[in-house]
PDB file of N, CA and C in Angstrom:
ATOM      1  N   UNK A   1     163.326  74.147  96.620  1.00  0.00           N
ATOM      2  CA  UNK A   1     162.027  74.570  96.140  1.00  0.00           C
ATOM      3  C   UNK A   1     162.196  75.117  94.736  1.00  0.00           C
ATOM      4  N   UNK A   2     161.412  74.654  93.818  1.00  0.00           N
ATOM      5  CA  UNK A   2     161.551  75.016  92.417  1.00  0.00           C
ATOM      6  C   UNK A   2     161.391  76.515  92.186  1.00  0.00           C
ATOM      7  N   UNK A   3     160.422  77.169  92.818  1.00  0.00           N
ATOM      8  CA  UNK A   3     160.229  78.609  92.644  1.00  0.00           C
ATOM      9  C   UNK A   3     161.473  79.368  93.060  1.00  0.00           C
ATOM     10  N   UNK A   4     162.053  78.990  94.193  1.00  0.00           N
ATOM     11  CA  UNK A   4     163.251  79.678  94.669  1.00  0.00           C
ATOM     12  C   UNK A   4     164.376  79.506  93.657  1.00  0.00           C
ATOM     13  N   UNK A   5     164.522  78.329  93.102  1.00  0.00           N
ATOM     14  CA  UNK A   5     165.555  78.093  92.109  1.00  0.00           C
ATOM     15  C   UNK A   5     165.340  78.980  90.894  1.00  0.00           C
ATOM     16  N   UNK A   6     164.114  79.097  90.439  1.00  0.00           N
ATOM     17  CA  UNK A   6     163.825  79.912  89.269  1.00  0.00           C
ATOM     18  C   UNK A   6     164.223  81.353  89.510  1.00  0.00           C
ATOM     19  N   UNK A   7     163.887  81.902  90.654  1.00  0.00           N
ATOM     20  CA  UNK A   7     164.162  83.302  90.911  1.00  0.00           C
ATOM     21  C   UNK A   7     165.587  83.563  91.366  1.00  0.00           C
ATOM     22  N   UNK A   8     166.318  82.545  91.764  1.00  0.00           N
ATOM     23  CA  UNK A   8     167.700  82.736  92.172  1.00  0.00           C
ATOM     24  C   UNK A   8     168.657  82.512  91.004  1.00  0.00           C
ATOM     25  N   UNK A   9     168.174  82.157  89.863  1.00  0.00           N
ATOM     26  CA  UNK A   9     169.022  81.860  88.704  1.00  0.00           C
ATOM     27  C   UNK A   9     169.657  83.130  88.198  1.00  0.00           C
ATOM     28  N   UNK A  10     170.513  83.307  87.559  1.00  0.00           N
ATOM     29  CA  UNK A  10     170.940  84.593  87.036  1.00  0.00           C
ATOM     30  C   UNK A  10     170.101  84.991  85.872  1.00  0.00           C
ATOM     31  N   UNK A  11     168.986  84.368  85.692  1.00  0.00           N
ATOM     32  CA  UNK A  11     168.246  84.564  84.459  1.00  0.00           C
ATOM     33  C   UNK A  11     167.051  85.486  84.552  1.00  0.00           C
ATOM     34  N   UNK A  12     166.787  86.061  85.679  1.00  0.00           N
ATOM     35  CA  UNK A  12     165.566  86.841  85.776  1.00  0.00           C
ATOM     36  C   UNK A  12     165.725  88.294  85.381  1.00  0.00           C
ATOM     37  N   UNK A  13     166.593  88.705  84.835  1.00  0.00           N
ATOM     38  CA  UNK A  13     166.585  90.091  84.491  1.00  0.00           C
ATOM     39  C   UNK A  13     165.805  90.348  83.276  1.00  0.00           C
ATOM     40  N   UNK A  14     165.869  90.801  82.595  1.00  0.00           N
ATOM     41  CA  UNK A  14     164.993  91.078  81.546  1.00  0.00           C
ATOM     42  C   UNK A  14     165.484  91.471  80.272  1.00  0.00           C
ATOM     43  N   UNK A  15     165.472  92.472  79.557  1.00  0.00           N
ATOM     44  CA  UNK A  15     164.877  92.478  78.300  1.00  0.00           C
ATOM     45  C   UNK A  15     164.867  93.699  77.472  1.00  0.00           C
ATOM     46  N   UNK A  16     164.873  93.435  76.197  1.00  0.00           N
ATOM     47  CA  UNK A  16     164.822  94.545  75.260  1.00  0.00           C
ATOM     48  C   UNK A  16     164.262  94.029  73.963  1.00  0.00           C
ATOM     49  N   UNK A  17     163.181  94.587  73.525  1.00  0.00           N
ATOM     50  CA  UNK A  17     162.648  94.227  72.226  1.00  0.00           C
ATOM     51  C   UNK A  17     163.497  94.885  71.165  1.00  0.00           C
ATOM     52  N   UNK A  18     163.624  94.256  70.034  1.00  0.00           N
ATOM     53  CA  UNK A  18     164.468  94.824  68.992  1.00  0.00           C
ATOM     54  C   UNK A  18     163.964  96.181  68.547  1.00  0.00           C
ATOM     55  N   UNK A  19     162.704  96.483  68.741  1.00  0.00           N
ATOM     56  CA  UNK A  19     162.152  97.766  68.336  1.00  0.00           C
ATOM     57  C   UNK A  19     162.370  98.883  69.339  1.00  0.00           C
ATOM     58  N   UNK A  20     162.985  98.614  70.460  1.00  0.00           N
ATOM     59  CA  UNK A  20     163.201  99.647  71.466  1.00  0.00           C
ATOM     60  C   UNK A  20     164.512 100.352  71.178  1.00  0.00           C
ATOM     61  N   UNK A  21     164.451 101.434  70.445  1.00  0.00           N
ATOM     62  CA  UNK A  21     165.687 102.098  70.058  1.00  0.00           C
ATOM     63  C   UNK A  21     165.755 103.542  70.512  1.00  0.00           C
ATOM     64  N   UNK A  22     164.640 104.152  70.839  1.00  0.00           N
ATOM     65  CA  UNK A  22     164.629 105.568  71.189  1.00  0.00           C
ATOM     66  C   UNK A  22     165.280 105.837  72.533  1.00  0.00           C
ATOM     67  N   UNK A  23     165.783 107.050  72.709  1.00  0.00           N
ATOM     68  CA  UNK A  23     166.474 107.423  73.935  1.00  0.00           C
ATOM     69  C   UNK A  23     165.548 107.330  75.149  1.00  0.00           C
ATOM     70  N   UNK A  24     164.253 107.513  74.959  1.00  0.00           N
ATOM     71  CA  UNK A  24     163.316 107.481  76.073  1.00  0.00           C
ATOM     72  C   UNK A  24     162.921 106.052  76.456  1.00  0.00           C
ATOM     73  N   UNK A  25     163.331 105.067  75.669  1.00  0.00           N
ATOM     74  CA  UNK A  25     162.969 103.680  75.945  1.00  0.00           C
ATOM     75  C   UNK A  25     163.967 103.046  76.912  1.00  0.00           C
ATOM     76  N   UNK A  26     163.491 102.211  77.824  1.00  0.00           N
ATOM     77  CA  UNK A  26     164.399 101.501  78.726  1.00  0.00           C
ATOM     78  C   UNK A  26     165.306 100.557  77.927  1.00  0.00           C
ATOM     79  N   UNK A  27     166.557 100.472  78.286  1.00  0.00           N
ATOM     80  CA  UNK A  27     167.499  99.611  77.569  1.00  0.00           C
ATOM     81  C   UNK A  27     168.349  98.819  78.555  1.00  0.00           C
ATOM     82  N   UNK A  28     167.990  97.565  78.817  1.00  0.00           N
ATOM     83  CA  UNK A  28     168.722  96.760  79.789  1.00  0.00           C
ATOM     84  C   UNK A  28     169.919  95.999  79.213  1.00  0.00           C
ATOM     85  N   UNK A  29     170.239  96.203  77.947  1.00  0.00           N
ATOM     86  CA  UNK A  29     171.341  95.446  77.345  1.00  0.00           C
ATOM     87  C   UNK A  29     172.624  95.634  78.138  1.00  0.00           C
ATOM     88  N   UNK A  30     173.404  94.570  78.207  1.00  0.00           N
ATOM     89  CA  UNK A  30     174.700  94.627  78.869  1.00  0.00           C
ATOM     90  C   UNK A  30     174.948  93.406  79.725  1.00  0.00           C
ATOM     91  N   UNK A  31     175.994  93.481  80.520  1.00  0.00           N
ATOM     92  CA  UNK A  31     176.353  92.403  81.444  1.00  0.00           C
ATOM     93  C   UNK A  31     176.074  92.901  82.852  1.00  0.00           C
ATOM     94  N   UNK A  32     175.329  92.084  83.615  1.00  0.00           N
ATOM     95  CA  UNK A  32     174.840  92.488  84.940  1.00  0.00           C
ATOM     96  C   UNK A  32     175.249  91.478  86.000  1.00  0.00           C
ATOM     97  N   UNK A  33     175.519  91.979  87.194  1.00  0.00           N
ATOM     98  CA  UNK A  33     175.861  91.154  88.347  1.00  0.00           C
ATOM     99  C   UNK A  33     174.697  91.193  89.334  1.00  0.00           C
ATOM    100  N   UNK A  34     174.209  90.008  89.714  1.00  0.00           N
ATOM    101  CA  UNK A  34     173.098  89.919  90.664  1.00  0.00           C
ATOM    102  C   UNK A  34     173.537  90.435  92.024  1.00  0.00           C
ATOM    103  N   UNK A  35     172.594  90.998  92.781  1.00  0.00           N
ATOM    104  CA  UNK A  35     172.906  91.643  94.067  1.00  0.00           C
ATOM    105  C   UNK A  35     173.595  90.737  95.081  1.00  0.00           C
ATOM    106  N   UNK A  36     173.403  89.430  95.009  1.00  0.00           N
ATOM    107  CA  UNK A  36     174.085  88.525  95.938  1.00  0.00           C
ATOM    108  C   UNK A  36     175.481  88.154  95.450  1.00  0.00           C
ATOM    109  N   UNK A  37     175.872  88.630  94.267  1.00  0.00           N
ATOM    110  CA  UNK A  37     177.195  88.367  93.725  1.00  0.00           C
ATOM    111  C   UNK A  37     177.397  86.967  93.186  1.00  0.00           C
ATOM    112  N   UNK A  38     176.325  86.176  93.058  1.00  0.00           N
ATOM    113  CA  UNK A  38     176.463  84.781  92.646  1.00  0.00           C
ATOM    114  C   UNK A  38     176.025  84.500  91.212  1.00  0.00           C
ATOM    115  N   UNK A  39     175.778  85.544  90.438  1.00  0.00           N
ATOM    116  CA  UNK A  39     175.411  85.326  89.037  1.00  0.00           C
ATOM    117  C   UNK A  39     175.794  86.541  88.202  1.00  0.00           C
ATOM    118  N   UNK A  40     176.266  86.253  87.007  1.00  0.00           N
ATOM    119  CA  UNK A  40     176.581  87.293  86.024  1.00  0.00           C
ATOM    120  C   UNK A  40     175.861  86.883  84.744  1.00  0.00           C
ATOM    121  N   UNK A  41     175.063  87.810  84.189  1.00  0.00           N
ATOM    122  CA  UNK A  41     174.298  87.498  82.981  1.00  0.00           C
ATOM    123  C   UNK A  41     174.519  88.557  81.908  1.00  0.00           C
ATOM    124  N   UNK A  42     174.339  88.136  80.679  1.00  0.00           N
ATOM    125  CA  UNK A  42     174.359  89.071  79.552  1.00  0.00           C
ATOM    126  C   UNK A  42     172.933  89.183  79.037  1.00  0.00           C
ATOM    127  N   UNK A  43     172.465  90.409  78.884  1.00  0.00           N
ATOM    128  CA  UNK A  43     171.145  90.660  78.316  1.00  0.00           C
ATOM    129  C   UNK A  43     171.364  91.240  76.926  1.00  0.00           C
ATOM    130  N   UNK A  44     170.798  90.574  75.928  1.00  0.00           N
ATOM    131  CA  UNK A  44     171.006  90.992  74.541  1.00  0.00           C
ATOM    132  C   UNK A  44     169.847  90.510  73.674  1.00  0.00           C
ATOM    133  N   UNK A  45     169.596  91.193  72.558  1.00  0.00           N
ATOM    134  CA  UNK A  45     168.565  90.723  71.626  1.00  0.00           C
ATOM    135  C   UNK A  45     168.890  89.303  71.159  1.00  0.00           C
ATOM    136  N   UNK A  46     167.845  88.501  70.941  1.00  0.00           N
ATOM    137  CA  UNK A  46     168.064  87.106  70.507  1.00  0.00           C
ATOM    138  C   UNK A  46     166.961  86.658  69.561  1.00  0.00           C
ATOM    139  N   UNK A  47     166.649  87.468  68.614  1.00  0.00           N
ATOM    140  CA  UNK A  47     165.610  87.126  67.660  1.00  0.00           C
ATOM    141  C   UNK A  47     164.603  88.248  67.575  1.00  0.00           C
ATOM    142  N   UNK A  48     163.752  88.147  66.604  1.00  0.00           N
ATOM    143  CA  UNK A  48     162.770  89.204  66.369  1.00  0.00           C
ATOM    144  C   UNK A  48     161.860  89.401  67.579  1.00  0.00           C
ATOM    145  N   UNK A  49     161.936  90.600  68.167  1.00  0.00           N
ATOM    146  CA  UNK A  49     161.072  90.949  69.285  1.00  0.00           C
ATOM    147  C   UNK A  49     161.405  90.250  70.589  1.00  0.00           C
ATOM    148  N   UNK A  50     162.591  89.665  70.691  1.00  0.00           N
ATOM    149  CA  UNK A  50     162.955  88.939  71.909  1.00  0.00           C
ATOM    150  C   UNK A  50     164.294  89.411  72.448  1.00  0.00           C
ATOM    151  N   UNK A  51     164.450  89.183  73.731  1.00  0.00           N
ATOM    152  CA  UNK A  51     165.702  89.463  74.418  1.00  0.00           C
ATOM    153  C   UNK A  51     166.015  88.246  75.269  1.00  0.00           C
ATOM    154  N   UNK A  52     167.289  87.900  75.357  1.00  0.00           N
ATOM    155  CA  UNK A  52     167.684  86.777  76.203  1.00  0.00           C
ATOM    156  C   UNK A  52     168.616  87.244  77.301  1.00  0.00           C
ATOM    157  N   UNK A  53     168.423  86.670  78.474  1.00  0.00           N
ATOM    158  CA  UNK A  53     169.345  86.827  79.593  1.00  0.00           C
ATOM    159  C   UNK A  53     170.058  85.488  79.703  1.00  0.00           C
ATOM    160  N   UNK A  54     171.366  85.502  79.460  1.00  0.00           N
ATOM    161  CA  UNK A  54     172.147  84.266  79.422  1.00  0.00           C
ATOM    162  C   UNK A  54     173.177  84.266  80.550  1.00  0.00           C
ATOM    163  N   UNK A  55     173.226  83.176  81.294  1.00  0.00           N
ATOM    164  CA  UNK A  55     174.202  83.051  82.371  1.00  0.00           C
ATOM    165  C   UNK A  55     175.611  82.989  81.804  1.00  0.00           C
ATOM    166  N   UNK A  56     176.456  83.907  82.247  1.00  0.00           N
ATOM    167  CA  UNK A  56     177.872  83.884  81.882  1.00  0.00           C
ATOM    168  C   UNK A  56     178.707  83.233  82.980  1.00  0.00           C
ATOM    169  N   UNK A  57     178.242  83.366  84.226  1.00  0.00           N
ATOM    170  CA  UNK A  57     178.946  82.818  85.381  1.00  0.00           C
ATOM    171  C   UNK A  57     177.933  82.594  86.495  1.00  0.00           C
ATOM    172  N   UNK A  58     178.059  81.464  87.185  1.00  0.00           N
ATOM    173  CA  UNK A  58     177.211  81.140  88.337  1.00  0.00           C
ATOM    174  C   UNK A  58     178.134  80.747  89.483  1.00  0.00           C
ATOM    175  N   UNK A  59     178.015  81.426  90.605  1.00  0.00           N
ATOM    176  CA  UNK A  59     178.875  81.167  91.754  1.00  0.00           C
ATOM    177  C   UNK A  59     178.463  79.959  92.575  1.00  0.00           C
ATOM    178  N   UNK A  60     177.191  79.577  92.531  1.00  0.00           N
ATOM    179  CA  UNK A  60     176.701  78.442  93.301  1.00  0.00           C
ATOM    180  C   UNK A  60     175.809  77.618  92.379  1.00  0.00           C
ATOM    181  N   UNK A  61     176.322  76.497  91.916  1.00  0.00           N
ATOM    182  CA  UNK A  61     175.580  75.662  90.970  1.00  0.00           C
ATOM    183  C   UNK A  61     174.731  74.598  91.665  1.00  0.00           C
ATOM    184  N   UNK A  62     174.667  74.625  92.994  1.00  0.00           N
ATOM    185  CA  UNK A  62     173.926  73.598  93.733  1.00  0.00           C
ATOM    186  C   UNK A  62     172.421  73.634  93.469  1.00  0.00           C
ATOM    187  N   UNK A  63     171.926  74.723  92.925  1.00  0.00           N
ATOM    188  CA  UNK A  63     170.485  74.814  92.632  1.00  0.00           C
ATOM    189  C   UNK A  63     170.164  74.486  91.184  1.00  0.00           C
ATOM    190  N   UNK A  64     171.118  73.907  90.495  1.00  0.00           N
ATOM    191  CA  UNK A  64     170.870  73.455  89.131  1.00  0.00           C
ATOM    192  C   UNK A  64     171.137  74.481  88.047  1.00  0.00           C
ATOM    193  N   UNK A  65     171.640  75.635  88.390  1.00  0.00           N
ATOM    194  CA  UNK A  65     171.939  76.655  87.392  1.00  0.00           C
ATOM    195  C   UNK A  65     173.297  76.385  86.767  1.00  0.00           C
ATOM    196  N   UNK A  66     173.430  76.757  85.513  1.00  0.00           N
ATOM    197  CA  UNK A  66     174.677  76.510  84.801  1.00  0.00           C
ATOM    198  C   UNK A  66     174.973  77.649  83.832  1.00  0.00           C
ATOM    199  N   UNK A  67     176.239  77.778  83.514  1.00  0.00           N
ATOM    200  CA  UNK A  67     176.643  78.730  82.482  1.00  0.00           C
ATOM    201  C   UNK A  67     175.942  78.317  81.186  1.00  0.00           C
ATOM    202  N   UNK A  68     175.403  79.293  80.488  1.00  0.00           N
ATOM    203  CA  UNK A  68     174.699  79.021  79.233  1.00  0.00           C
ATOM    204  C   UNK A  68     173.190  78.943  79.376  1.00  0.00           C
ATOM    205  N   UNK A  69     172.681  78.718  80.598  1.00  0.00           N
ATOM    206  CA  UNK A  69     171.227  78.740  80.799  1.00  0.00           C
ATOM    207  C   UNK A  69     170.729  80.113  80.388  1.00  0.00           C
ATOM    208  N   UNK A  70     169.513  80.164  79.843  1.00  0.00           N
ATOM    209  CA  UNK A  70     168.991  81.464  79.436  1.00  0.00           C
ATOM    210  C   UNK A  70     167.494  81.571  79.646  1.00  0.00           C
ATOM    211  N   UNK A  71     167.054  82.803  79.647  1.00  0.00           N
ATOM    212  CA  UNK A  71     165.646  83.167  79.731  1.00  0.00           C
ATOM    213  C   UNK A  71     165.326  83.917  78.443  1.00  0.00           C
ATOM    214  N   UNK A  72     164.228  83.575  77.808  1.00  0.00           N
ATOM    215  CA  UNK A  72     163.825  84.223  76.560  1.00  0.00           C
ATOM    216  C   UNK A  72     162.630  85.112  76.880  1.00  0.00           C
ATOM    217  N   UNK A  73     162.785  86.418  76.631  1.00  0.00           N
ATOM    218  CA  UNK A  73     161.766  87.378  77.037  1.00  0.00           C
ATOM    219  C   UNK A  73     161.167  88.125  75.859  1.00  0.00           C
ATOM    220  N   UNK A  74     159.900  88.407  75.990  1.00  0.00           N
ATOM    221  CA  UNK A  74     159.175  89.258  75.054  1.00  0.00           C
ATOM    222  C   UNK A  74     158.573  90.373  75.890  1.00  0.00           C
ATOM    223  N   UNK A  75     159.057  91.602  75.674  1.00  0.00           N
ATOM    224  CA  UNK A  75     158.663  92.722  76.517  1.00  0.00           C
ATOM    225  C   UNK A  75     158.281  93.933  75.693  1.00  0.00           C
ATOM    226  N   UNK A  76     157.520  94.780  76.337  1.00  0.00           N
ATOM    227  CA  UNK A  76     157.111  96.054  75.748  1.00  0.00           C
ATOM    228  C   UNK A  76     157.341  97.151  76.773  1.00  0.00           C
ATOM    229  N   UNK A  77     157.588  98.380  76.303  1.00  0.00           N
ATOM    230  CA  UNK A  77     157.725  99.487  77.251  1.00  0.00           C
ATOM    231  C   UNK A  77     156.421  99.700  78.010  1.00  0.00           C
ATOM    232  N   UNK A  78     156.544  99.880  79.304  1.00  0.00           N
ATOM    233  CA  UNK A  78     155.390 100.170  80.160  1.00  0.00           C
ATOM    234  C   UNK A  78     155.436 101.639  80.576  1.00  0.00           C
ATOM    235  N   UNK A  79     156.637 102.121  80.918  1.00  0.00           N
ATOM    236  CA  UNK A  79     156.879 103.530  81.237  1.00  0.00           C
ATOM    237  C   UNK A  79     158.228 103.894  80.617  1.00  0.00           C
ATOM    238  N   UNK A  80     158.706 105.092  80.886  1.00  0.00           N
ATOM    239  CA  UNK A  80     160.000 105.525  80.351  1.00  0.00           C
ATOM    240  C   UNK A  80     161.164 104.724  80.922  1.00  0.00           C
ATOM    241  N   UNK A  81     160.969 104.041  82.054  1.00  0.00           N
ATOM    242  CA  UNK A  81     162.052 103.263  82.667  1.00  0.00           C
ATOM    243  C   UNK A  81     161.698 101.795  82.894  1.00  0.00           C
ATOM    244  N   UNK A  82     160.516 101.365  82.483  1.00  0.00           N
ATOM    245  CA  UNK A  82     160.071 100.008  82.787  1.00  0.00           C
ATOM    246  C   UNK A  82     159.612  99.252  81.548  1.00  0.00           C
ATOM    247  N   UNK A  83     159.999  97.982  81.489  1.00  0.00           N
ATOM    248  CA  UNK A  83     159.541  97.044  80.471  1.00  0.00           C
ATOM    249  C   UNK A  83     158.720  95.974  81.173  1.00  0.00           C
ATOM    250  N   UNK A  84     157.728  95.436  80.485  1.00  0.00           N
ATOM    251  CA  UNK A  84     156.904  94.382  81.080  1.00  0.00           C
ATOM    252  C   UNK A  84     156.511  93.383  80.004  1.00  0.00           C
ATOM    253  N   UNK A  85     156.330  92.134  80.408  1.00  0.00           N
ATOM    254  CA  UNK A  85     155.929  91.104  79.456  1.00  0.00           C
ATOM    255  C   UNK A  85     156.061  89.724  80.059  1.00  0.00           C
ATOM    256  N   UNK A  86     156.534  88.783  79.227  1.00  0.00           N
ATOM    257  CA  UNK A  86     156.668  87.402  79.677  1.00  0.00           C
ATOM    258  C   UNK A  86     158.101  86.921  79.479  1.00  0.00           C
ATOM    259  N   UNK A  87     158.449  85.925  80.263  1.00  0.00           N
ATOM    260  CA  UNK A  87     159.759  85.289  80.168  1.00  0.00           C
ATOM    261  C   UNK A  87     159.544  83.782  80.133  1.00  0.00           C
ATOM    262  N   UNK A  88     160.284  83.119  79.240  1.00  0.00           N
ATOM    263  CA  UNK A  88     160.201  81.670  79.122  1.00  0.00           C
ATOM    264  C   UNK A  88     161.537  81.066  79.532  1.00  0.00           C
ATOM    265  N   UNK A  89     161.482  80.105  80.446  1.00  0.00           N
ATOM    266  CA  UNK A  89     162.665  79.386  80.910  1.00  0.00           C
ATOM    267  C   UNK A  89     162.648  78.009  80.232  1.00  0.00           C
ATOM    268  N   UNK A  90     163.414  77.831  79.139  1.00  0.00           N
ATOM    269  CA  UNK A  90     163.375  76.558  78.424  1.00  0.00           C
ATOM    270  C   UNK A  90     163.894  75.374  79.239  1.00  0.00           C
ATOM    271  N   UNK A  91     164.781  75.622  80.193  1.00  0.00           N
ATOM    272  CA  UNK A  91     165.319  74.530  81.012  1.00  0.00           C
ATOM    273  C   UNK A  91     164.219  73.908  81.879  1.00  0.00           C
ATOM    274  N   UNK A  92     163.321  74.733  82.377  1.00  0.00           N
ATOM    275  CA  UNK A  92     162.245  74.259  83.253  1.00  0.00           C
ATOM    276  C   UNK A  92     160.892  74.171  82.547  1.00  0.00           C
ATOM    277  N   UNK A  93     160.806  74.718  81.347  1.00  0.00           N
ATOM    278  CA  UNK A  93     159.543  74.702  80.623  1.00  0.00           C
ATOM    279  C   UNK A  93     158.493  75.609  81.237  1.00  0.00           C
ATOM    280  N   UNK A  94     158.915  76.682  81.902  1.00  0.00           N
ATOM    281  CA  UNK A  94     157.990  77.590  82.576  1.00  0.00           C
ATOM    282  C   UNK A  94     157.961  78.964  81.908  1.00  0.00           C
ATOM    283  N   UNK A  95     156.776  79.555  81.889  1.00  0.00           N
ATOM    284  CA  UNK A  95     156.604  80.926  81.430  1.00  0.00           C
ATOM    285  C   UNK A  95     156.024  81.717  82.588  1.00  0.00           C
ATOM    286  N   UNK A  96     156.529  82.914  82.792  1.00  0.00           N
ATOM    287  CA  UNK A  96     156.022  83.747  83.861  1.00  0.00           C
ATOM    288  C   UNK A  96     156.040  85.205  83.438  1.00  0.00           C
ATOM    289  N   UNK A  97     155.372  86.045  84.210  1.00  0.00           N
ATOM    290  CA  UNK A  97     155.358  87.474  83.912  1.00  0.00           C
ATOM    291  C   UNK A  97     156.611  88.104  84.501  1.00  0.00           C
ATOM    292  N   UNK A  98     157.089  89.159  83.833  1.00  0.00           N
ATOM    293  CA  UNK A  98     158.297  89.823  84.299  1.00  0.00           C
ATOM    294  C   UNK A  98     158.188  91.318  84.071  1.00  0.00           C
ATOM    295  N   UNK A  99     158.727  92.071  85.007  1.00  0.00           N
ATOM    296  CA  UNK A  99     158.833  93.521  84.891  1.00  0.00           C
ATOM    297  C   UNK A  99     160.298  93.871  85.109  1.00  0.00           C
ATOM    298  N   UNK A 100     160.822  94.754  84.269  1.00  0.00           N
ATOM    299  CA  UNK A 100     162.224  95.160  84.370  1.00  0.00           C
ATOM    300  C   UNK A 100     162.264  96.675  84.497  1.00  0.00           C
ATOM    301  N   UNK A 101     162.821  97.148  85.607  1.00  0.00           N
ATOM    302  CA  UNK A 101     162.976  98.583  85.825  1.00  0.00           C
ATOM    303  C   UNK A 101     164.443  98.922  85.579  1.00  0.00           C
ATOM    304  N   UNK A 102     164.699  99.799  84.617  1.00  0.00           N
ATOM    305  CA  UNK A 102     166.053 100.129  84.208  1.00  0.00           C
ATOM    306  C   UNK A 102     166.445 101.502  84.738  1.00  0.00           C
ATOM    307  N   UNK A 103     167.490 101.535  85.549  1.00  0.00           N
ATOM    308  CA  UNK A 103     168.028 102.791  86.058  1.00  0.00           C
ATOM    309  C   UNK A 103     169.395 103.048  85.454  1.00  0.00           C
ATOM    310  N   UNK A 104     169.989 104.168  85.807  1.00  0.00           N
ATOM    311  CA  UNK A 104     171.288 104.530  85.250  1.00  0.00           C
ATOM    312  C   UNK A 104     172.345 103.474  85.582  1.00  0.00           C
ATOM    313  N   UNK A 105     172.449 103.081  86.835  1.00  0.00           N
ATOM    314  CA  UNK A 105     173.449 102.110  87.261  1.00  0.00           C
ATOM    315  C   UNK A 105     172.838 100.931  88.000  1.00  0.00           C
ATOM    316  N   UNK A 106     171.624 100.553  87.600  1.00  0.00           N
ATOM    317  CA  UNK A 106     170.977  99.425  88.259  1.00  0.00           C
ATOM    318  C   UNK A 106     169.877  98.867  87.358  1.00  0.00           C
ATOM    319  N   UNK A 107     169.498  97.667  87.686  1.00  0.00           N
ATOM    320  CA  UNK A 107     168.402  96.995  87.008  1.00  0.00           C
ATOM    321  C   UNK A 107     167.656  96.254  88.098  1.00  0.00           C
ATOM    322  N   UNK A 108     166.340  96.350  88.119  1.00  0.00           N
ATOM    323  CA  UNK A 108     165.547  95.595  89.078  1.00  0.00           C
ATOM    324  C   UNK A 108     164.548  94.772  88.287  1.00  0.00           C
ATOM    325  N   UNK A 109     164.527  93.479  88.562  1.00  0.00           N
ATOM    326  CA  UNK A 109     163.589  92.592  87.890  1.00  0.00           C
ATOM    327  C   UNK A 109     162.585  92.059  88.895  1.00  0.00           C
ATOM    328  N   UNK A 110     161.364  91.858  88.424  1.00  0.00           N
ATOM    329  CA  UNK A 110     160.319  91.256  89.249  1.00  0.00           C
ATOM    330  C   UNK A 110     159.692  90.161  88.405  1.00  0.00           C
ATOM    331  N   UNK A 111     159.866  88.931  88.836  1.00  0.00           N
ATOM    332  CA  UNK A 111     159.292  87.787  88.148  1.00  0.00           C
ATOM    333  C   UNK A 111     158.169  87.200  88.971  1.00  0.00           C
ATOM    334  N   UNK A 112     157.071  86.825  88.310  1.00  0.00           N
ATOM    335  CA  UNK A 112     155.905  86.271  89.011  1.00  0.00           C
ATOM    336  C   UNK A 112     155.391  85.025  88.295  1.00  0.00           C
ATOM    337  N   UNK A 113     154.912  84.081  89.102  1.00  0.00           N
ATOM    338  CA  UNK A 113     154.231  82.904  88.572  1.00  0.00           C
ATOM    339  C   UNK A 113     152.921  82.752  89.328  1.00  0.00           C
ATOM    340  N   UNK A 114     152.160  81.752  88.958  1.00  0.00           N
ATOM    341  CA  UNK A 114     150.873  81.454  89.587  1.00  0.00           C
ATOM    342  C   UNK A 114     149.975  82.693  89.553  1.00  0.00           C
ATOM    343  N   UNK A 115     149.851  83.286  88.377  1.00  0.00           N
ATOM    344  CA  UNK A 115     148.959  84.432  88.209  1.00  0.00           C
ATOM    345  C   UNK A 115     149.336  85.642  89.039  1.00  0.00           C
ATOM    346  N   UNK A 116     150.619  85.791  89.348  1.00  0.00           N
ATOM    347  CA  UNK A 116     151.079  86.939  90.124  1.00  0.00           C
ATOM    348  C   UNK A 116     151.022  86.743  91.629  1.00  0.00           C
ATOM    349  N   UNK A 117     150.709  85.533  92.078  1.00  0.00           N
ATOM    350  CA  UNK A 117     150.634  85.272  93.523  1.00  0.00           C
ATOM    351  C   UNK A 117     152.006  85.075  94.156  1.00  0.00           C
ATOM    352  N   UNK A 118     152.944  84.552  93.384  1.00  0.00           N
ATOM    353  CA  UNK A 118     154.291  84.328  93.885  1.00  0.00           C
ATOM    354  C   UNK A 118     155.259  85.147  93.047  1.00  0.00           C
ATOM    355  N   UNK A 119     155.878  86.158  93.677  1.00  0.00           N
ATOM    356  CA  UNK A 119     156.773  87.063  92.959  1.00  0.00           C
ATOM    357  C   UNK A 119     158.084  87.209  93.712  1.00  0.00           C
ATOM    358  N   UNK A 120     159.109  87.607  92.981  1.00  0.00           N
ATOM    359  CA  UNK A 120     160.416  87.858  93.586  1.00  0.00           C
ATOM    360  C   UNK A 120     161.093  88.999  92.854  1.00  0.00           C
ATOM    361  N   UNK A 121     161.648  89.931  93.611  1.00  0.00           N
ATOM    362  CA  UNK A 121     162.424  91.035  93.058  1.00  0.00           C
ATOM    363  C   UNK A 121     163.909  90.711  93.177  1.00  0.00           C
ATOM    364  N   UNK A 122     164.675  91.069  92.151  1.00  0.00           N
ATOM    365  CA  UNK A 122     166.118  90.890  92.167  1.00  0.00           C
ATOM    366  C   UNK A 122     166.755  92.173  91.650  1.00  0.00           C
ATOM    367  N   UNK A 123     167.790  92.630  92.339  1.00  0.00           N
ATOM    368  CA  UNK A 123     168.517  93.833  91.927  1.00  0.00           C
ATOM    369  C   UNK A 123     169.815  93.439  91.238  1.00  0.00           C
ATOM    370  N   UNK A 124     170.206  94.242  90.254  1.00  0.00           N
ATOM    371  CA  UNK A 124     171.398  93.979  89.452  1.00  0.00           C
ATOM    372  C   UNK A 124     172.207  95.257  89.312  1.00  0.00           C
ATOM    373  N   UNK A 125     173.525  95.117  89.231  1.00  0.00           N
ATOM    374  CA  UNK A 125     174.392  96.254  88.947  1.00  0.00           C
ATOM    375  C   UNK A 125     175.235  95.907  87.724  1.00  0.00           C
ATOM    376  N   UNK A 126     175.695  96.922  86.992  1.00  0.00           N
ATOM    377  CA  UNK A 126     176.529  96.628  85.820  1.00  0.00           C
ATOM    378  C   UNK A 126     177.791  95.883  86.253  1.00  0.00           C
ATOM    379  N   UNK A 127     178.145  94.838  85.517  1.00  0.00           N
ATOM    380  CA  UNK A 127     179.374  94.105  85.806  1.00  0.00           C
ATOM    381  C   UNK A 127     180.546  94.902  85.250  1.00  0.00           C
ATOM    382  N   UNK A 128     181.631  94.855  85.962  1.00  0.00           N
ATOM    383  CA  UNK A 128     182.829  95.586  85.526  1.00  0.00           C
ATOM    384  C   UNK A 128     183.808  94.667  84.878  1.00  0.00           C
TER     385      UNK A 128
END
């Protein structure tokens, strides 16, 4: 199922706008391991006002995911710990809404398509 593939990719985490520099702003930059242990992604700025989540390692490539696949996100702070905006998946040509909740030692992403009718949450921990 295409939706399941999109949300199981290591690409749903999220984001940091280049203008998010203050200590009170959420900062998801870094390398993250998906909760199922099958994806490792790097989240880093990738152009003016954008952040990319790029697959560094994929444990199960049977769903079409590959190292180097990326998600391009444009996000804004929603709260002191949350970013919200859109994410574009160039491999599939899809854009969807995304929310990224940044904690001290965790990241939770929520990606939605079809006007928010189909959503999936994914938890991430810092990769060591």
